Each structure stands twice: as C-alpha cells, then as structure tokens.
C-alpha atoms as a PDB file:
ATOM      1  CA  MET A   1       5.709 -18.359  16.262  1.00  0.00           C
ATOM      2  CA  ALA A   2       6.281 -14.651  15.652  1.00  0.00           C
ATOM      3  CA  ALA A   3       3.241 -12.443  15.150  1.00  0.00           C
ATOM      4  CA  LEU A   4       2.182 -11.638  11.626  1.00  0.00           C
ATOM      5  CA  LYS A   5       3.403  -8.171  10.637  1.00  0.00           C
ATOM      6  CA  ILE A   6       1.528  -6.029   8.115  1.00  0.00           C
ATOM      7  CA  LEU A   7       2.672  -2.656   6.768  1.00  0.00           C
ATOM      8  CA  VAL A   8       0.049  -0.082   5.760  1.00  0.00           C
ATOM      9  CA  ILE A   9       1.151   2.629   3.326  1.00  0.00           C
ATOM     10  CA  PRO A  10      -1.221   5.509   2.565  1.00  0.00           C
ATOM     11  CA  GLY A  11      -0.459   7.019  -0.819  1.00  0.00           C
ATOM     12  CA  SER A  12      -1.528  10.519   0.155  1.00  0.00           C
ATOM     13  CA  LEU A  13       0.126  13.163   2.298  1.00  0.00           C
ATOM     14  CA  ARG A  14      -2.818  15.565   2.145  1.00  0.00           C
ATOM     15  CA  ALA A  15      -4.428  16.644   5.428  1.00  0.00           C
ATOM     16  CA  GLY A  16      -7.884  15.117   5.758  1.00  0.00           C
ATOM     17  CA  SER A  17      -7.197  12.608   2.981  1.00  0.00           C
ATOM     18  CA  LEU A  18     -10.003  10.133   2.325  1.00  0.00           C
ATOM     19  CA  ASN A  19      -7.296   7.541   1.692  1.00  0.00           C
ATOM     20  CA  ALA A  20      -5.539   8.232   4.981  1.00  0.00           C
ATOM     21  CA  LYS A  21      -8.902   7.658   6.665  1.00  0.00           C
ATOM     22  CA  LEU A  22      -9.299   4.374   4.814  1.00  0.00           C
ATOM     23  CA  ALA A  23      -5.762   3.369   5.813  1.00  0.00           C
ATOM     24  CA  ALA A  24      -6.654   4.119   9.458  1.00  0.00           C
ATOM     25  CA  ALA A  25      -9.812   1.981   9.144  1.00  0.00           C
ATOM     26  CA  ALA A  26      -7.683  -0.856   7.733  1.00  0.00           C
ATOM     27  CA  VAL A  27      -5.226  -0.516  10.627  1.00  0.00           C
ATOM     28  CA  ASP A  28      -8.143  -0.858  13.059  1.00  0.00           C
ATOM     29  CA  GLU A  29      -9.315  -4.032  11.278  1.00  0.00           C
ATOM     30  CA  LEU A  30      -5.814  -5.491  11.350  1.00  0.00           C
ATOM     31  CA  VAL A  31      -5.457  -4.727  15.057  1.00  0.00           C
ATOM     32  CA  ARG A  32      -8.820  -6.443  15.705  1.00  0.00           C
ATOM     33  CA  ALA A  33      -7.441  -9.457  13.834  1.00  0.00           C
ATOM     34  CA  ASP A  34      -4.513  -9.537  16.302  1.00  0.00           C
ATOM     35  CA  VAL A  35      -1.929  -8.580  13.687  1.00  0.00           C
ATOM     36  CA  ASP A  36       1.169  -6.501  14.404  1.00  0.00           C
ATOM     37  CA  VAL A  37       0.551  -3.498  12.141  1.00  0.00           C
ATOM     38  CA  ILE A  38       2.564  -0.399  11.352  1.00  0.00           C
ATOM     39  CA  ARG A  39       1.306   2.537   9.301  1.00  0.00           C
ATOM     40  CA  ILE A  40       3.934   4.758   7.736  1.00  0.00           C
ATOM     41  CA  SER A  41       3.889   7.995   5.780  1.00  0.00           C
ATOM     42  CA  LEU A  42       5.695   8.256   2.466  1.00  0.00           C
ATOM     43  CA  GLY A  43       6.477  11.801   3.606  1.00  0.00           C
ATOM     44  CA  ASP A  44       9.031  10.207   5.945  1.00  0.00           C
ATOM     45  CA  TYR A  45      10.787   8.737   2.887  1.00  0.00           C
ATOM     46  CA  PRO A  46      11.278  11.735   0.581  1.00  0.00           C
ATOM     47  CA  LEU A  47      12.586  10.677  -2.806  1.00  0.00           C
ATOM     48  CA  PRO A  48      13.586  12.545  -5.947  1.00  0.00           C
ATOM     49  CA  ILE A  49      11.723  11.666  -9.125  1.00  0.00           C
ATOM     50  CA  TYR A  50      13.259   8.442 -10.426  1.00  0.00           C
ATOM     51  CA  ASP A  51      16.061   9.134 -12.895  1.00  0.00           C
ATOM     52  CA  GLY A  52      18.408   6.460 -14.186  1.00  0.00           C
ATOM     53  CA  ASP A  53      21.249   8.983 -14.524  1.00  0.00           C
ATOM     54  CA  LEU A  54      20.798  10.020 -10.886  1.00  0.00           C
ATOM     55  CA  GLU A  55      20.869   6.370  -9.858  1.00  0.00           C
ATOM     56  CA  SER A  56      24.014   5.740 -11.935  1.00  0.00           C
ATOM     57  CA  GLY A  57      25.763   8.808 -10.567  1.00  0.00           C
ATOM     58  CA  SER A  58      24.710   8.761  -6.913  1.00  0.00           C
ATOM     59  CA  GLY A  59      23.247   5.331  -6.316  1.00  0.00           C
ATOM     60  CA  VAL A  60      19.852   4.584  -4.839  1.00  0.00           C
ATOM     61  CA  PRO A  61      18.795   7.230  -2.265  1.00  0.00           C
ATOM     62  CA  LYS A  62      18.985   6.141   1.380  1.00  0.00           C
ATOM     63  CA  HIS A  63      15.246   6.744   1.841  1.00  0.00           C
ATOM     64  CA  ALA A  64      14.520   4.191  -0.912  1.00  0.00           C
ATOM     65  CA  VAL A  65      16.776   1.691   0.860  1.00  0.00           C
ATOM     66  CA  ASN A  66      15.057   2.426   4.179  1.00  0.00           C
ATOM     67  CA  LEU A  67      11.585   2.069   2.642  1.00  0.00           C
ATOM     68  CA  LYS A  68      12.558  -1.218   1.008  1.00  0.00           C
ATOM     69  CA  ARG A  69      13.847  -2.512   4.353  1.00  0.00           C
ATOM     70  CA  MET A  70      10.633  -1.380   6.077  1.00  0.00           C
ATOM     71  CA  ILE A  71       8.628  -3.393   3.534  1.00  0.00           C
ATOM     72  CA  GLN A  72      11.024  -6.314   3.957  1.00  0.00           C
ATOM     73  CA  ALA A  73      10.452  -6.323   7.732  1.00  0.00           C
ATOM     74  CA  HIS A  74       6.751  -7.146   7.210  1.00  0.00           C
ATOM     75  CA  HIS A  75       4.909 -10.252   6.026  1.00  0.00           C
ATOM     76  CA  GLY A  76       2.371  -8.294   3.967  1.00  0.00           C
ATOM     77  CA  VAL A  77       1.711  -4.788   2.684  1.00  0.00           C
ATOM     78  CA  LEU A  78      -1.449  -2.762   2.120  1.00  0.00           C
ATOM     79  CA  ILE A  79      -1.202   0.280  -0.153  1.00  0.00           C
ATOM     80  CA  VAL A  80      -4.127   2.722   0.056  1.00  0.00           C
ATOM     81  CA  THR A  81      -3.903   5.268  -2.722  1.00  0.00           C
ATOM     82  CA  PRO A  82      -5.843   8.139  -4.235  1.00  0.00           C
ATOM     83  CA  GLU A  83      -6.566   8.229  -7.946  1.00  0.00           C
ATOM     84  CA  TYR A  84      -5.054  11.029 -10.046  1.00  0.00           C
ATOM     85  CA  ASN A  85      -6.301  11.343 -13.616  1.00  0.00           C
ATOM     86  CA  ALA A  86      -7.479   7.716 -13.670  1.00  0.00           C
ATOM     87  CA  SER A  87      -4.102   6.410 -12.518  1.00  0.00           C
ATOM     88  CA  LEU A  88      -1.507   6.358  -9.752  1.00  0.00           C
ATOM     89  CA  PRO A  89      -0.338   9.503  -7.995  1.00  0.00           C
ATOM     90  CA  PRO A  90       3.348  10.250  -8.600  1.00  0.00           C
ATOM     91  CA  LEU A  91       4.128   9.751  -4.880  1.00  0.00           C
ATOM     92  CA  VAL A  92       3.130   6.071  -5.017  1.00  0.00           C
ATOM     93  CA  LYS A  93       4.585   5.275  -8.442  1.00  0.00           C
ATOM     94  CA  ASN A  94       7.893   6.967  -7.637  1.00  0.00           C
ATOM     95  CA  ALA A  95       8.225   5.081  -4.336  1.00  0.00           C
ATOM     96  CA  ILE A  96       7.644   1.767  -6.115  1.00  0.00           C
ATOM     97  CA  ASP A  97      10.102   2.704  -8.889  1.00  0.00           C
ATOM     98  CA  TRP A  98      12.868   3.508  -6.404  1.00  0.00           C
ATOM     99  CA  VAL A  99      12.210   0.507  -4.131  1.00  0.00           C
ATOM    100  CA  SER A 100      12.354  -1.772  -7.174  1.00  0.00           C
ATOM    101  CA  ARG A 101      15.941  -0.561  -7.718  1.00  0.00           C
ATOM    102  CA  VAL A 102      17.213  -1.517  -4.241  1.00  0.00           C
ATOM    103  CA  GLN A 103      19.301  -4.658  -4.138  1.00  0.00           C
ATOM    104  CA  ASP A 104      20.927  -5.700  -0.889  1.00  0.00           C
ATOM    105  CA  ASN A 105      23.652  -8.345  -0.774  1.00  0.00           C
ATOM    106  CA  HIS A 106      22.535 -11.918  -1.471  1.00  0.00           C
ATOM    107  CA  GLU A 107      19.246 -10.975  -3.150  1.00  0.00           C
ATOM    108  CA  THR A 108      17.973 -10.166  -6.586  1.00  0.00           C
ATOM    109  CA  ARG A 109      16.684  -6.738  -7.519  1.00  0.00           C
ATOM    110  CA  GLY A 110      13.009  -6.412  -6.633  1.00  0.00           C
ATOM    111  CA  GLN A 111      13.021  -9.511  -4.429  1.00  0.00           C
ATOM    112  CA  VAL A 112      11.154  -7.577  -1.730  1.00  0.00           C
ATOM    113  CA  PHE A 113       8.066  -7.523  -3.984  1.00  0.00           C
ATOM    114  CA  ARG A 114       8.123 -11.276  -4.613  1.00  0.00           C
ATOM    115  CA  GLU A 115       8.386 -12.395  -0.995  1.00  0.00           C
ATOM    116  CA  ARG A 116       5.170 -10.971   0.487  1.00  0.00           C
ATOM    117  CA  PRO A 117       1.597 -10.323  -0.611  1.00  0.00           C
ATOM    118  CA  PHE A 118       0.262  -6.877  -1.381  1.00  0.00           C
ATOM    119  CA  ALA A 119      -3.294  -5.653  -0.911  1.00  0.00           C
ATOM    120  CA  ILE A 120      -4.527  -2.518  -2.636  1.00  0.00           C
ATOM    121  CA  ALA A 121      -7.295  -0.077  -1.806  1.00  0.00           C
ATOM    122  CA  ALA A 122      -8.454   3.369  -2.867  1.00  0.00           C
ATOM    123  CA  ALA A 123     -11.025   5.911  -1.739  1.00  0.00           C
ATOM    124  CA  SER A 124     -12.638   8.517  -3.948  1.00  0.00           C
ATOM    125  CA  GLY A 125     -15.537  10.921  -3.774  1.00  0.00           C
ATOM    126  CA  GLY A 126     -16.751   9.553  -7.113  1.00  0.00           C
ATOM    127  CA  LYS A 127     -18.743   6.458  -7.958  1.00  0.00           C
ATOM    128  CA  LEU A 128     -15.752   4.419  -9.185  1.00  0.00           C
ATOM    129  CA  GLY A 129     -13.948   4.697  -5.860  1.00  0.00           C
ATOM    130  CA  GLY A 130     -10.491   4.808  -7.425  1.00  0.00           C
ATOM    131  CA  ALA A 131     -10.990   1.550  -9.338  1.00  0.00           C
ATOM    132  CA  ARG A 132      -8.991   2.790 -12.346  1.00  0.00           C
ATOM    133  CA  CYS A 133      -6.068   3.614 -10.089  1.00  0.00           C
ATOM    134  CA  LEU A 134      -6.255   0.156  -8.532  1.00  0.00           C
ATOM    135  CA  GLN A 135      -6.085  -1.381 -11.993  1.00  0.00           C
ATOM    136  CA  ALA A 136      -2.922   0.643 -12.700  1.00  0.00           C
ATOM    137  CA  LEU A 137      -1.416  -0.177  -9.294  1.00  0.00           C
ATOM    138  CA  ARG A 138      -2.113  -3.894  -9.760  1.00  0.00           C
ATOM    139  CA  LEU A 139      -0.363  -3.710 -13.152  1.00  0.00           C
ATOM    140  CA  VAL A 140       2.702  -1.934 -11.707  1.00  0.00           C
ATOM    141  CA  LEU A 141       3.019  -4.322  -8.752  1.00  0.00           C
ATOM    142  CA  SER A 142       2.518  -7.320 -11.042  1.00  0.00           C
ATOM    143  CA  ALA A 143       5.322  -5.997 -13.272  1.00  0.00           C
ATOM    144  CA  CYS A 144       7.486  -6.111 -10.131  1.00  0.00           C
ATOM    145  CA  ARG A 145       6.329  -9.750  -9.832  1.00  0.00           C
ATOM    146  CA  ALA A 146       4.475  -9.074  -6.586  1.00  0.00           C
ATOM    147  CA  THR A 147       1.649 -11.283  -5.387  1.00  0.00           C
ATOM    148  CA  VAL A 148      -1.335  -8.917  -5.350  1.00  0.00           C
ATOM    149  CA  ILE A 149      -4.298 -10.507  -3.595  1.00  0.00           C
ATOM    150  CA  PRO A 150      -7.544 -10.692  -5.596  1.00  0.00           C
ATOM    151  CA  ASN A 151      -9.679  -8.806  -3.057  1.00  0.00           C
ATOM    152  CA  GLN A 152      -9.313  -5.061  -3.284  1.00  0.00           C
ATOM    153  CA  LEU A 153     -11.359  -2.143  -2.021  1.00  0.00           C
ATOM    154  CA  ALA A 154     -12.503   0.737  -4.211  1.00  0.00           C
ATOM    155  CA  LEU A 155     -14.388   2.936  -1.742  1.00  0.00           C
ATOM    156  CA  SER A 156     -16.831   5.042  -3.742  1.00  0.00           C
ATOM    157  CA  PHE A 157     -18.565   8.195  -2.486  1.00  0.00           C
ATOM    158  CA  ALA A 158     -15.928   8.282   0.239  1.00  0.00           C
ATOM    159  CA  ASN A 159     -16.916  11.790   1.341  1.00  0.00           C
ATOM    160  CA  ASP A 160     -19.973  10.157   2.930  1.00  0.00           C
ATOM    161  CA  ALA A 161     -18.425   6.800   3.860  1.00  0.00           C
ATOM    162  CA  TYR A 162     -17.177   7.751   7.319  1.00  0.00           C
ATOM    163  CA  ASP A 163     -18.953   8.649  10.538  1.00  0.00           C
ATOM    164  CA  ASP A 164     -17.872  11.566  12.736  1.00  0.00           C
ATOM    165  CA  MET A 165     -15.227   9.303  14.340  1.00  0.00           C
ATOM    166  CA  ASP A 166     -13.735   8.572  10.851  1.00  0.00           C
ATOM    167  CA  ARG A 167     -14.949   4.962  10.936  1.00  0.00           C
ATOM    168  CA  LEU A 168     -16.608   3.359   7.944  1.00  0.00           C
ATOM    169  CA  GLN A 169     -20.349   3.525   8.459  1.00  0.00           C
ATOM    170  CA  HIS A 170     -21.912   1.508   5.600  1.00  0.00           C
ATOM    171  CA  PRO A 171     -22.165  -2.283   6.079  1.00  0.00           C
ATOM    172  CA  GLY A 172     -21.113  -3.053   2.487  1.00  0.00           C
ATOM    173  CA  ASP A 173     -17.932  -0.991   2.842  1.00  0.00           C
ATOM    174  CA  ILE A 174     -17.141  -2.598   6.205  1.00  0.00           C
ATOM    175  CA  ASP A 175     -17.672  -6.083   4.750  1.00  0.00           C
ATOM    176  CA  ALA A 176     -15.425  -5.304   1.769  1.00  0.00           C
ATOM    177  CA  LEU A 177     -12.658  -4.001   4.032  1.00  0.00           C
ATOM    178  CA  GLN A 178     -12.905  -7.034   6.312  1.00  0.00           C
ATOM    179  CA  ALA A 179     -12.796  -9.439   3.350  1.00  0.00           C
ATOM    180  CA  MET A 180      -9.680  -7.749   1.943  1.00  0.00           C
ATOM    181  CA  VAL A 181      -7.948  -7.748   5.337  1.00  0.00           C
ATOM    182  CA  ARG A 182      -8.816 -11.418   5.937  1.00  0.00           C
ATOM    183  CA  GLN A 183      -7.438 -12.408   2.541  1.00  0.00           C
ATOM    184  CA  LEU A 184      -4.228 -10.406   3.079  1.00  0.00           C
ATOM    185  CA  ILE A 185      -3.722 -12.093   6.442  1.00  0.00           C
ATOM    186  CA  ASP A 186      -4.407 -15.568   5.008  1.00  0.00           C
ATOM    187  CA  VAL A 187      -2.029 -15.137   2.071  1.00  0.00           C
ATOM    188  CA  ALA A 188       0.671 -13.550   4.273  1.00  0.00           C
ATOM    189  CA  GLN A 189       0.484 -16.501   6.669  1.00  0.00           C
ATOM    190  CA  GLN A 190       0.835 -18.923   3.759  1.00  0.00           C
ATOM    191  CA  MET A 191       3.867 -17.053   2.366  1.00  0.00           C
ATOM    192  CA  LYS A 192       5.494 -16.450   5.779  1.00  0.00           C
END
C-alpha cells in the first residue's frame, strides 16, 4: 500500500512567521508518524486577485491549476494561517478561490476539496491564537464542501511558544498539535 501523503500549506510568506514555524512543527510531527509530507509555499504559486472577468477572458491561471494538482496528489492537507483583522489573509482566501475554479476533465468543479480531509491551524501572539481566522477558514472550506477535521490548533501567545530551535516547548501545545495530526492521518487513511 502506498504511503500516506500529506500536504502542508503555510498561509504566510513573511520571514520569521509564527505560522511558518507552526507549519514546520507540524511537518516534524507528520514525519515522526511515518507520513510522506511535503510543505509548499504559496509564494511559488503567485495568483492575481480572483476576478470572474479575468477567468472568463483568460481562463484559470496555470499556478491555480498547478496548486490544485499539488493538493490532488496528497491524501490530506494542513493549512496553517495567520489571522488578519479577525479573518483570513488574502493570500489564503485567494488561493482557495482560484483552486475552487479549476476543473480538469472527468471531474466536477471543486472536487479536489471533497476528496481529502483538511486540517487547519493558526498561530498568533495574542490570547486567541488565531481562533477567529480558523472559524472563517472552516466556513470557507466547508462552503467548498471539504471535510474539515474537528481538531484544530489555535496557538496562542506564539511569540513564546517555541524554543531556540523553533520547536514547540509547552506540553499543552505539543499535545494539541499531536492530536490534530493524528486525527488528520486517521481521517485521510479512511478517505484514501
């Protein structure tokens, strides 16, 4: 049986991002669980702001097609995103909007969201840990008819959550990350 493949997508391009650190910690957990994991950067898939007229005139951009196919090549996806003004950053929302428009032959539009589970996580320097963003992200993914696993991670006070090797250092945070990763793996194996 082929190894389980999980895609990790950080929703931040900023150097030193707390969310990129959390994505790296999740990758480490997935590797320890003997999962084939790939972490990508949305910076490698530059997309214009979604515009229906642009789509009608030029079609779906090739980077949206490539990102959709990258998602499709994995059994599960983890999105780790910062919170902007109590919601999703434009980078994440725009990527989802464009990917939802890609329709390859012999599939329905948005099928890539329905065929694999998604896990969601956020890190923030504040006490809510990006929880409002996760609520918005869960809503958007659910609108795409994705299976979003119940466990999520809202890492609060993330400025102090990592040690000097950028590993999570608080037992509660480590336990929450492990529980989310275990559930993603379990659901992905069931849907595989």
